[in-house]
Protein backbone atom coordinates (compact mmCIF):
# COMPACT_ATOMS: atom_id res chain seq x y z
CA UNK A 1 342.67 121.27 107.60
CA UNK A 2 341.56 122.94 110.86
CA UNK A 3 342.70 121.51 114.34
CA UNK A 4 340.44 118.84 115.75
CA UNK A 5 338.88 120.24 118.93
CA UNK A 6 338.09 117.41 121.56
CA UNK A 7 335.83 118.23 124.17
CA UNK A 8 334.92 115.48 126.80
CA UNK A 9 331.38 115.43 128.25
CA UNK A 10 330.75 117.80 131.01
CA UNK A 11 329.23 115.16 133.30
CA UNK A 12 332.19 112.68 133.22
CA UNK A 13 332.89 113.54 136.95
CA UNK A 14 329.36 112.64 137.90
CA UNK A 15 327.67 109.57 139.20
CA UNK A 16 324.98 108.03 137.18
CA UNK A 17 322.17 109.26 139.53
CA UNK A 18 323.49 112.82 139.01
CA UNK A 19 323.77 112.36 135.25
CA UNK A 20 320.22 111.13 134.96
CA UNK A 21 318.57 113.81 137.19
CA UNK A 22 320.55 116.64 135.62
CA UNK A 23 319.37 118.80 132.79
CA UNK A 24 320.02 119.67 130.11
CA UNK A 25 321.65 116.15 129.86
CA UNK A 26 324.72 115.25 127.79
CA UNK A 27 323.55 113.62 124.39
CA UNK A 28 325.02 110.13 125.10
CA UNK A 29 324.74 107.67 122.33
CA UNK A 30 323.61 104.81 124.57
CA UNK A 31 320.73 106.97 125.89
CA UNK A 32 319.62 107.59 122.28
CA UNK A 33 319.85 103.95 121.19
CA UNK A 34 317.87 102.79 124.42
CA UNK A 35 315.36 105.61 124.10
CA UNK A 36 314.67 104.67 120.34
CA UNK A 37 314.13 101.16 121.21
CA UNK A 38 311.73 101.63 124.03
CA UNK A 39 309.68 104.04 121.93
CA UNK A 40 309.17 101.53 119.40
CA UNK A 41 308.02 99.04 121.75
CA UNK A 42 305.85 101.54 123.71
CA UNK A 43 304.16 102.38 120.43
CA UNK A 44 303.73 99.01 119.38
CA UNK A 45 302.12 98.11 122.93
CA UNK A 46 299.77 101.13 122.82
CA UNK A 47 298.76 100.13 119.41
CA UNK A 48 297.93 96.45 120.21
CA UNK A 49 297.15 96.41 123.89
CA UNK A 50 295.40 99.59 124.30
CA UNK A 51 294.16 100.20 120.55
CA UNK A 52 295.44 103.73 120.66
CA UNK A 53 293.99 106.19 118.26
CA UNK A 54 295.35 109.52 117.46
CA UNK A 55 292.96 112.44 116.17
CA UNK A 56 294.37 115.68 115.04
CA UNK A 57 298.17 115.05 114.60
CA UNK A 58 298.24 117.36 111.85
CA UNK A 59 297.67 120.12 114.42
CA UNK A 60 301.37 119.94 115.84
CA UNK A 61 303.31 122.71 114.51
CA UNK A 62 306.28 120.49 113.92
CA UNK A 63 309.72 122.29 113.03
CA UNK A 64 309.30 125.01 115.78
CA UNK A 65 309.27 124.78 119.40
CA UNK A 66 305.87 124.31 121.06
CA UNK A 67 304.20 123.38 124.35
CA UNK A 68 301.74 120.33 124.25
CA UNK A 69 299.26 120.54 127.21
CA UNK A 70 296.80 118.01 128.33
CA UNK A 71 294.60 116.60 131.23
CA UNK A 72 296.44 113.98 133.73
CA UNK A 73 294.79 111.00 134.40
CA UNK A 74 297.26 108.27 134.54
CA UNK A 75 300.95 107.17 134.25
CA UNK A 76 300.19 106.32 130.40
CA UNK A 77 299.70 109.92 129.82
CA UNK A 78 303.31 111.23 129.03
CA UNK A 79 303.75 107.82 127.12
CA UNK A 80 300.66 108.52 124.78
CA UNK A 81 301.71 112.38 124.14
CA UNK A 82 305.32 111.25 123.32
CA UNK A 83 303.98 108.65 120.94
CA UNK A 84 301.64 111.33 119.41
CA UNK A 85 304.81 113.03 118.26
CA UNK A 86 306.82 111.81 115.06
CA UNK A 87 309.87 109.52 115.87
CA UNK A 88 312.21 111.98 114.21
CA UNK A 89 311.26 114.33 117.13
CA UNK A 90 311.74 111.79 119.87
CA UNK A 91 315.03 113.12 121.31
CA UNK A 92 313.65 116.70 121.25
CA UNK A 93 310.45 116.00 123.02
CA UNK A 94 310.52 116.48 126.83
CA UNK A 95 307.74 115.91 129.22
CA UNK A 96 307.78 117.71 132.45
CA UNK A 97 308.20 115.10 135.22
CA UNK A 98 307.68 115.83 139.05
CA UNK A 99 311.20 115.79 140.32
CA UNK A 100 310.14 114.66 143.67
CA UNK A 101 308.52 111.60 142.43
CA UNK A 102 310.29 110.72 139.19
CA UNK A 103 313.68 111.48 140.13
CA UNK A 104 313.56 110.24 143.62
CA UNK A 105 315.26 106.94 142.95
CA UNK A 106 317.78 105.40 140.64
CA UNK A 107 315.25 103.19 138.71
CA UNK A 108 312.71 105.94 138.63
CA UNK A 109 315.38 108.41 137.25
CA UNK A 110 316.44 105.82 134.79
CA UNK A 111 313.01 105.55 133.26
CA UNK A 112 312.13 109.08 133.42
CA UNK A 113 315.32 110.36 131.79
CA UNK A 114 316.43 107.51 129.39
CA UNK A 115 313.02 106.20 128.30
CA UNK A 116 310.65 109.26 128.30
CA UNK A 117 313.39 111.94 128.17
CA UNK A 118 311.68 113.59 131.23
CA UNK A 119 312.43 117.27 132.14
CA UNK A 120 313.06 117.44 135.99
CA UNK A 121 310.32 119.70 137.29
CA UNK A 122 310.53 120.97 140.91
CA UNK A 123 306.86 121.79 141.73
CA UNK A 124 307.21 122.55 145.39
CA UNK A 125 310.43 124.77 146.15
CA UNK A 126 311.93 125.73 142.97
CA UNK A 127 309.04 126.33 140.53
CA UNK A 128 310.50 129.68 139.07
CA UNK A 129 314.08 127.96 138.43
CA UNK A 130 312.03 125.19 136.71
CA UNK A 131 310.01 127.64 134.46
CA UNK A 132 313.45 129.33 133.60
CA UNK A 133 314.68 126.08 132.27
CA UNK A 134 311.31 125.35 130.34
CA UNK A 135 311.69 128.83 128.71
CA UNK A 136 315.55 127.94 127.58
CA UNK A 137 314.14 124.92 126.08
CA UNK A 138 311.66 126.63 124.16
CA UNK A 139 314.24 129.26 122.96
CA UNK A 140 315.83 126.66 120.79
CA UNK A 141 313.95 125.76 117.62
CA UNK A 142 312.35 122.29 117.26
CA UNK A 143 311.70 121.26 121.03
CA UNK A 144 308.39 119.94 122.20
CA UNK A 145 307.69 120.50 125.95
CA UNK A 146 304.87 118.54 127.43
CA UNK A 147 303.09 119.72 130.46
CA UNK A 148 300.18 118.73 132.69
CA UNK A 149 298.88 121.99 134.07
CA UNK A 150 296.92 120.21 136.57
CA UNK A 151 300.24 119.23 138.47
CA UNK A 152 299.03 115.66 139.37
CA UNK A 153 296.96 112.90 138.21
CA UNK A 154 293.32 113.09 138.77
CA UNK A 155 291.88 110.67 141.33
CA UNK A 156 288.63 110.72 139.46
CA UNK A 157 289.32 111.12 135.88
CA UNK A 158 287.72 114.50 135.87
CA UNK A 159 289.74 117.55 134.65
CA UNK A 160 291.01 119.69 137.42
CA UNK A 161 291.99 123.28 137.83
CA UNK A 162 295.05 124.48 135.59
CA UNK A 163 297.84 125.90 137.84
CA UNK A 164 299.45 129.11 137.12
CA UNK A 165 302.72 127.77 135.72
CA UNK A 166 301.41 127.16 132.12
CA UNK A 167 300.46 130.75 132.03
CA UNK A 168 303.60 132.13 133.53
CA UNK A 169 305.38 130.16 130.88
CA UNK A 170 303.77 131.52 127.73
CA UNK A 171 302.64 134.80 128.71
CA UNK A 172 303.80 137.66 126.25
CA UNK A 173 305.62 135.04 124.00
CA UNK A 174 304.65 133.87 120.58
CA UNK A 175 305.36 130.27 121.57
CA UNK A 176 302.49 127.89 120.16
CA UNK A 177 300.50 126.06 122.88
CA UNK A 178 298.75 122.88 121.72
CA UNK A 179 295.97 121.47 123.79
CA UNK A 180 295.27 117.85 123.86
CA UNK A 181 292.71 115.52 125.60
CA UNK A 182 293.78 111.92 126.60
CA UNK A 183 290.59 109.61 126.68
CA UNK A 184 290.35 106.16 128.30
CA UNK A 185 293.77 106.53 130.25
CA UNK A 186 291.83 106.75 133.48
CA UNK A 187 289.96 103.58 132.64
CA UNK A 188 293.24 101.81 131.55
CA UNK A 189 295.65 102.59 134.42
CA UNK A 190 293.91 104.81 137.21
CA UNK A 191 295.92 106.27 140.01
CA UNK A 192 296.83 103.44 142.45
CA UNK A 193 296.51 100.62 139.89
CA UNK A 194 299.52 98.38 139.88
CA UNK A 195 299.25 97.13 136.06
CA UNK A 196 297.37 98.69 133.08
CA UNK A 197 294.16 97.25 131.94
CA UNK A 198 293.35 96.41 128.16
CA UNK A 199 291.16 99.51 127.65
CA UNK A 200 291.14 101.59 124.48
CA UNK A 201 292.79 104.87 124.49
CA UNK A 202 292.39 108.07 122.50
CA UNK A 203 294.66 111.08 121.92
CA UNK A 204 292.74 114.11 120.55
CA UNK A 205 295.16 117.02 119.49
CA UNK A 206 293.48 120.60 119.19
CA UNK A 207 294.59 123.40 117.21
CA UNK A 208 297.56 125.55 118.52
CA UNK A 209 297.10 128.95 120.10
CA UNK A 210 299.65 131.95 121.22
CA UNK A 211 299.27 134.71 123.73
CA UNK A 212 301.99 137.11 122.33
CA UNK A 213 299.35 139.81 122.03
CA UNK A 214 298.57 139.94 125.70
CA UNK A 215 300.41 142.02 128.18
CA UNK A 216 302.13 140.11 130.93
CA UNK A 217 300.36 140.05 134.33
CA UNK A 218 298.17 137.99 136.69
CA UNK A 219 294.82 138.83 134.83
CA UNK A 220 296.77 137.17 131.55
CA UNK A 221 297.95 134.20 133.49
CA UNK A 222 294.59 133.45 134.72
CA UNK A 223 292.96 134.01 131.34
CA UNK A 224 295.61 131.49 129.72
CA UNK A 225 294.98 128.99 132.22
CA UNK A 226 291.16 129.18 131.78
CA UNK A 227 291.60 129.29 127.96
CA UNK A 228 293.61 126.24 127.74
CA UNK A 229 291.46 124.22 130.35
CA UNK A 230 288.48 125.10 128.12
CA UNK A 231 289.98 123.94 125.11
CA UNK A 232 291.32 120.80 126.66
CA UNK A 233 287.96 120.08 128.02
CA UNK A 234 286.24 120.86 124.59
CA UNK A 235 288.40 118.31 123.10
CA UNK A 236 287.06 115.67 125.70
């Protein structure tokens, strides 16, 4: 019989705020339990209150790591996209969340890390470091990274310009990128609204694409951004 090797969690000496805002997070059982219960409640709420419909779920390349990109209209967006992924992948699905907003206070950090399993993304001062974390995440098989390439919610509901981060992340790699379009989220919960409205929402998922055959460079980054923006727009 081999000796039992006990290794305590590496975040035991950290406060709760540090644990929640850190990444990668330790796999605490209580987080898994709370996230699972919350996911079931959120999916039921989206189905009943917003009559959510999912089209094209078979296009998700489950079993391998991939990036799911979509338009950004509402705080409902991340909830809708995570609800589009089967429950068995719940704890391996990571929406990139703006660190300056979602991890700016304990309540927001708790929601972002425990409920939606958010990956803190510093879009202002440490973009390169955040992209490195995303690459590391995608390097492990079976993870799903959710990114909103516009960088912020649309104030009008229209699709905005895709920023270069998504192109820099996947250029020269065979990582599948799945475009998706969220319809109705702007009408249901627009920027500035206090409470969601009972509007129907639809998640349309397109076919995966990859860019491993392209040489790395600024032109490739621009091409990826334009190609993905066009794919998302076409789904809408």
